[in-house]
Amino acid sequence: MSKSFTARGLTAAVLAVGALTAALAVPATAADHHRAPRPNVEISDVQYNSPGRDDRSNRSLNAEWVEITNNTRRAVDLDGWTLRDEDGHRYTFDGYRLEGRSTVRVHTGQGRDTRTDVYQGRRHYVWNNDSDTATLRNERGRFIDDESWGRHRHGDRR
């Protein structure tokens, strides 16, 4: 009988060690795959290279845009927030409220502002095709988000 008890004890010990190892390994694996939480407001997309010929027509200028997305359920008052490029071109939101779980597209050219589209009113392109960074700051000048392309230069990031 002592062989039986030893075999059962050994089996129980091996199973216990295996269960403990598995329990410790799962959190480490899950931690490796943890994603950072999405910011409340972010630059979600950029069309920096206007499709077609760069002829500075209003249509072509408005095909260059930056999308700002509110990932929360609550509206965010963007009044006084700025969107700027590395060369210092700046667009300031004026009296604009971005509803919860929605996106606004900031076009370079001229147009009539709506809930989903606002216009900088420019007659020249803003976003460089080869390399640039779009930076979003709140009304206090605090860094919110940026998006870079090309050489991934980050001017005055935070």
C-alpha atoms as a PDB file:
ATOM      1  CA  MET A   1       0.000   0.000   0.000  1.00  0.00           C
ATOM      2  CA  SER A   2       2.824   2.428   0.588  1.00  0.00           C
ATOM      3  CA  LYS A   3       3.679   2.335  -3.141  1.00  0.00           C
ATOM      4  CA  SER A   4       0.062   3.292  -3.905  1.00  0.00           C
ATOM      5  CA  PHE A   5       0.135   6.218  -1.483  1.00  0.00           C
ATOM      6  CA  THR A   6       3.492   7.366  -2.877  1.00  0.00           C
ATOM      7  CA  ALA A   7       2.271   7.199  -6.468  1.00  0.00           C
ATOM      8  CA  ARG A   8      -0.899   9.113  -5.564  1.00  0.00           C
ATOM      9  CA  GLY A   9       1.114  11.685  -3.599  1.00  0.00           C
ATOM     10  CA  LEU A  10       3.582  12.115  -6.444  1.00  0.00           C
ATOM     11  CA  THR A  11       0.765  12.488  -8.975  1.00  0.00           C
ATOM     12  CA  ALA A  12      -0.984  15.044  -6.769  1.00  0.00           C
ATOM     13  CA  ALA A  13       2.250  17.005  -6.340  1.00  0.00           C
ATOM     14  CA  VAL A  14       2.935  17.036 -10.095  1.00  0.00           C
ATOM     15  CA  LEU A  15      -0.622  18.210 -10.810  1.00  0.00           C
ATOM     16  CA  ALA A  16      -0.371  20.927  -8.160  1.00  0.00           C
ATOM     17  CA  VAL A  17       2.945  22.217  -9.553  1.00  0.00           C
ATOM     18  CA  GLY A  18       1.490  22.153 -13.084  1.00  0.00           C
ATOM     19  CA  ALA A  19      -1.594  24.100 -12.005  1.00  0.00           C
ATOM     20  CA  LEU A  20       0.532  26.658 -10.148  1.00  0.00           C
ATOM     21  CA  THR A  21       2.833  27.098 -13.154  1.00  0.00           C
ATOM     22  CA  ALA A  22      -0.146  27.589 -15.483  1.00  0.00           C
ATOM     23  CA  ALA A  23      -1.744  30.085 -13.100  1.00  0.00           C
ATOM     24  CA  LEU A  24       1.450  32.130 -12.916  1.00  0.00           C
ATOM     25  CA  ALA A  25       2.062  31.994 -16.684  1.00  0.00           C
ATOM     26  CA  VAL A  26      -1.383  33.281 -17.727  1.00  0.00           C
ATOM     27  CA  PRO A  27      -1.140  36.728 -16.107  1.00  0.00           C
ATOM     28  CA  ALA A  28       2.348  37.255 -17.546  1.00  0.00           C
ATOM     29  CA  THR A  29       1.094  36.395 -21.021  1.00  0.00           C
ATOM     30  CA  ALA A  30      -1.969  38.605 -20.633  1.00  0.00           C
ATOM     31  CA  ALA A  31       0.212  41.475 -19.419  1.00  0.00           C
ATOM     32  CA  ASP A  32       2.402  41.154 -22.507  1.00  0.00           C
ATOM     33  CA  HIS A  33      -0.630  41.703 -24.745  1.00  0.00           C
ATOM     34  CA  HIS A  34      -2.194  44.562 -22.770  1.00  0.00           C
ATOM     35  CA  ARG A  35      -2.981  47.550 -24.955  1.00  0.00           C
ATOM     36  CA  ALA A  36      -2.732  51.075 -23.712  1.00  0.00           C
ATOM     37  CA  PRO A  37      -6.144  52.664 -23.306  1.00  0.00           C
ATOM     38  CA  ARG A  38      -7.268  54.848 -26.188  1.00  0.00           C
ATOM     39  CA  PRO A  39      -7.098  58.555 -25.462  1.00  0.00           C
ATOM     40  CA  ASN A  40     -10.365  60.400 -24.892  1.00  0.00           C
ATOM     41  CA  VAL A  41      -9.751  62.590 -27.945  1.00  0.00           C
ATOM     42  CA  GLU A  42      -7.279  61.620 -30.654  1.00  0.00           C
ATOM     43  CA  ILE A  43      -6.094  62.308 -34.172  1.00  0.00           C
ATOM     44  CA  SER A  44      -7.620  59.238 -35.769  1.00  0.00           C
ATOM     45  CA  ASP A  45      -6.664  59.712 -39.435  1.00  0.00           C
ATOM     46  CA  VAL A  46      -4.786  62.082 -41.741  1.00  0.00           C
ATOM     47  CA  GLN A  47      -5.082  62.563 -45.502  1.00  0.00           C
ATOM     48  CA  TYR A  48      -1.930  64.617 -46.022  1.00  0.00           C
ATOM     49  CA  ASN A  49      -1.487  63.939 -49.738  1.00  0.00           C
ATOM     50  CA  SER A  50      -4.506  65.266 -51.582  1.00  0.00           C
ATOM     51  CA  PRO A  51      -5.485  62.746 -54.282  1.00  0.00           C
ATOM     52  CA  GLY A  52      -4.922  63.858 -57.878  1.00  0.00           C
ATOM     53  CA  ARG A  53      -3.000  66.887 -59.047  1.00  0.00           C
ATOM     54  CA  ASP A  54      -1.921  69.459 -56.476  1.00  0.00           C
ATOM     55  CA  ASP A  55      -3.515  72.389 -58.302  1.00  0.00           C
ATOM     56  CA  ARG A  56      -4.538  74.323 -55.140  1.00  0.00           C
ATOM     57  CA  SER A  57      -8.188  74.252 -56.199  1.00  0.00           C
ATOM     58  CA  ASN A  58     -10.608  74.379 -53.275  1.00  0.00           C
ATOM     59  CA  ARG A  59     -11.627  70.802 -54.101  1.00  0.00           C
ATOM     60  CA  SER A  60      -8.017  69.627 -53.912  1.00  0.00           C
ATOM     61  CA  LEU A  61      -7.335  71.623 -50.731  1.00  0.00           C
ATOM     62  CA  ASN A  62     -10.387  70.077 -49.048  1.00  0.00           C
ATOM     63  CA  ALA A  63      -9.194  66.590 -49.967  1.00  0.00           C
ATOM     64  CA  GLU A  64      -6.361  67.248 -47.506  1.00  0.00           C
ATOM     65  CA  TRP A  65      -7.700  66.749 -43.964  1.00  0.00           C
ATOM     66  CA  VAL A  66      -7.159  65.551 -40.396  1.00  0.00           C
ATOM     67  CA  GLU A  67      -9.783  63.607 -38.434  1.00  0.00           C
ATOM     68  CA  ILE A  68     -10.265  64.183 -34.703  1.00  0.00           C
ATOM     69  CA  THR A  69     -12.237  61.508 -32.826  1.00  0.00           C
ATOM     70  CA  ASN A  70     -13.933  61.678 -29.431  1.00  0.00           C
ATOM     71  CA  ASN A  71     -13.738  58.147 -27.968  1.00  0.00           C
ATOM     72  CA  THR A  72     -15.889  58.958 -24.934  1.00  0.00           C
ATOM     73  CA  ARG A  73     -19.655  58.985 -24.517  1.00  0.00           C
ATOM     74  CA  ARG A  74     -19.701  62.637 -23.484  1.00  0.00           C
ATOM     75  CA  ALA A  75     -19.364  65.642 -25.760  1.00  0.00           C
ATOM     76  CA  VAL A  76     -16.072  67.548 -25.612  1.00  0.00           C
ATOM     77  CA  ASP A  77     -15.907  71.311 -26.040  1.00  0.00           C
ATOM     78  CA  LEU A  78     -13.058  71.926 -28.509  1.00  0.00           C
ATOM     79  CA  ASP A  79     -13.348  75.718 -28.314  1.00  0.00           C
ATOM     80  CA  GLY A  80      -9.791  77.099 -28.285  1.00  0.00           C
ATOM     81  CA  TRP A  81      -8.142  73.742 -29.126  1.00  0.00           C
ATOM     82  CA  THR A  82      -5.470  73.918 -31.830  1.00  0.00           C
ATOM     83  CA  LEU A  83      -4.284  71.676 -34.628  1.00  0.00           C
ATOM     84  CA  ARG A  84      -0.891  72.568 -36.046  1.00  0.00           C
ATOM     85  CA  ASP A  85       1.834  71.296 -38.333  1.00  0.00           C
ATOM     86  CA  GLU A  86       5.622  71.407 -37.921  1.00  0.00           C
ATOM     87  CA  ASP A  87       5.872  74.670 -39.897  1.00  0.00           C
ATOM     88  CA  GLY A  88       3.594  76.453 -37.421  1.00  0.00           C
ATOM     89  CA  HIS A  89       0.374  76.539 -39.472  1.00  0.00           C
ATOM     90  CA  ARG A  90      -2.346  76.556 -36.854  1.00  0.00           C
ATOM     91  CA  TYR A  91      -6.092  75.969 -36.917  1.00  0.00           C
ATOM     92  CA  THR A  92      -8.042  76.976 -33.811  1.00  0.00           C
ATOM     93  CA  PHE A  93     -11.462  75.485 -33.133  1.00  0.00           C
ATOM     94  CA  ASP A  94     -13.984  78.244 -32.505  1.00  0.00           C
ATOM     95  CA  GLY A  95     -17.136  77.337 -30.597  1.00  0.00           C
ATOM     96  CA  TYR A  96     -17.074  73.716 -31.751  1.00  0.00           C
ATOM     97  CA  ARG A  97     -18.468  70.859 -29.641  1.00  0.00           C
ATOM     98  CA  LEU A  98     -17.523  67.289 -30.636  1.00  0.00           C
ATOM     99  CA  GLU A  99     -20.285  64.894 -29.652  1.00  0.00           C
ATOM    100  CA  GLY A 100     -19.534  61.602 -27.904  1.00  0.00           C
ATOM    101  CA  ARG A 101     -18.278  58.727 -30.054  1.00  0.00           C
ATOM    102  CA  SER A 102     -17.990  60.965 -33.113  1.00  0.00           C
ATOM    103  CA  THR A 103     -15.398  62.344 -35.503  1.00  0.00           C
ATOM    104  CA  VAL A 104     -14.834  65.730 -37.120  1.00  0.00           C
ATOM    105  CA  ARG A 105     -12.796  66.174 -40.288  1.00  0.00           C
ATOM    106  CA  VAL A 106     -10.692  69.352 -40.447  1.00  0.00           C
ATOM    107  CA  HIS A 107     -10.274  70.304 -44.123  1.00  0.00           C
ATOM    108  CA  THR A 108      -7.560  72.659 -45.369  1.00  0.00           C
ATOM    109  CA  GLY A 109      -9.652  74.683 -47.866  1.00  0.00           C
ATOM    110  CA  GLN A 110     -12.809  76.733 -47.627  1.00  0.00           C
ATOM    111  CA  GLY A 111     -16.328  75.532 -46.872  1.00  0.00           C
ATOM    112  CA  ARG A 112     -19.273  75.755 -44.513  1.00  0.00           C
ATOM    113  CA  ASP A 113     -18.691  74.156 -41.100  1.00  0.00           C
ATOM    114  CA  THR A 114     -21.019  71.319 -40.079  1.00  0.00           C
ATOM    115  CA  ARG A 115     -21.103  68.829 -37.196  1.00  0.00           C
ATOM    116  CA  THR A 116     -18.804  66.463 -39.116  1.00  0.00           C
ATOM    117  CA  ASP A 117     -16.642  68.821 -41.201  1.00  0.00           C
ATOM    118  CA  VAL A 118     -14.859  72.088 -40.429  1.00  0.00           C
ATOM    119  CA  TYR A 119     -12.716  74.195 -42.754  1.00  0.00           C
ATOM    120  CA  GLN A 120      -9.482  76.099 -42.171  1.00  0.00           C
ATOM    121  CA  GLY A 121     -10.223  78.523 -45.033  1.00  0.00           C
ATOM    122  CA  ARG A 122      -6.718  78.310 -46.527  1.00  0.00           C
ATOM    123  CA  ARG A 123      -5.645  78.764 -50.143  1.00  0.00           C
ATOM    124  CA  HIS A 124      -2.424  76.736 -49.760  1.00  0.00           C
ATOM    125  CA  TYR A 125      -1.722  73.174 -48.626  1.00  0.00           C
ATOM    126  CA  VAL A 126      -0.743  72.694 -44.972  1.00  0.00           C
ATOM    127  CA  TRP A 127       0.378  69.093 -44.582  1.00  0.00           C
ATOM    128  CA  ASN A 128       3.693  68.167 -46.219  1.00  0.00           C
ATOM    129  CA  ASN A 129       3.504  65.005 -48.288  1.00  0.00           C
ATOM    130  CA  ASP A 130       7.025  63.786 -47.505  1.00  0.00           C
ATOM    131  CA  SER A 131       7.112  64.323 -43.742  1.00  0.00           C
ATOM    132  CA  ASP A 132       5.131  66.245 -41.138  1.00  0.00           C
ATOM    133  CA  THR A 133       3.436  66.000 -37.747  1.00  0.00           C
ATOM    134  CA  ALA A 134      -0.118  67.037 -36.894  1.00  0.00           C
ATOM    135  CA  THR A 135      -0.324  68.065 -33.224  1.00  0.00           C
ATOM    136  CA  LEU A 136      -3.535  68.572 -31.257  1.00  0.00           C
ATOM    137  CA  ARG A 137      -3.526  70.703 -28.080  1.00  0.00           C
ATOM    138  CA  ASN A 138      -6.343  71.708 -25.763  1.00  0.00           C
ATOM    139  CA  GLU A 139      -7.400  75.285 -24.938  1.00  0.00           C
ATOM    140  CA  ARG A 140      -4.654  75.489 -22.275  1.00  0.00           C
ATOM    141  CA  GLY A 141      -1.967  74.455 -24.753  1.00  0.00           C
ATOM    142  CA  ARG A 142      -1.575  70.990 -23.246  1.00  0.00           C
ATOM    143  CA  PHE A 143      -0.573  68.183 -25.584  1.00  0.00           C
ATOM    144  CA  ILE A 144      -3.471  65.875 -26.494  1.00  0.00           C
ATOM    145  CA  ASP A 145      -2.234  63.782 -29.450  1.00  0.00           C
ATOM    146  CA  ASP A 146      -0.090  63.835 -32.557  1.00  0.00           C
ATOM    147  CA  GLU A 147       0.292  61.884 -35.769  1.00  0.00           C
ATOM    148  CA  SER A 148       3.499  61.811 -37.822  1.00  0.00           C
ATOM    149  CA  TRP A 149       4.464  60.490 -41.223  1.00  0.00           C
ATOM    150  CA  GLY A 150       7.633  60.393 -43.292  1.00  0.00           C
ATOM    151  CA  ARG A 151      10.731  60.867 -41.150  1.00  0.00           C
ATOM    152  CA  HIS A 152       8.541  60.962 -38.007  1.00  0.00           C
ATOM    153  CA  ARG A 153       9.896  64.259 -36.774  1.00  0.00           C
ATOM    154  CA  HIS A 154       8.320  65.487 -33.556  1.00  0.00           C
ATOM    155  CA  GLY A 155       8.783  69.225 -33.227  1.00  0.00           C
ATOM    156  CA  ASP A 156       7.684  70.458 -29.789  1.00  0.00           C
ATOM    157  CA  ARG A 157       5.777  67.336 -28.806  1.00  0.00           C
ATOM    158  CA  ARG A 158       4.877  67.877 -25.186  1.00  0.00           C
END
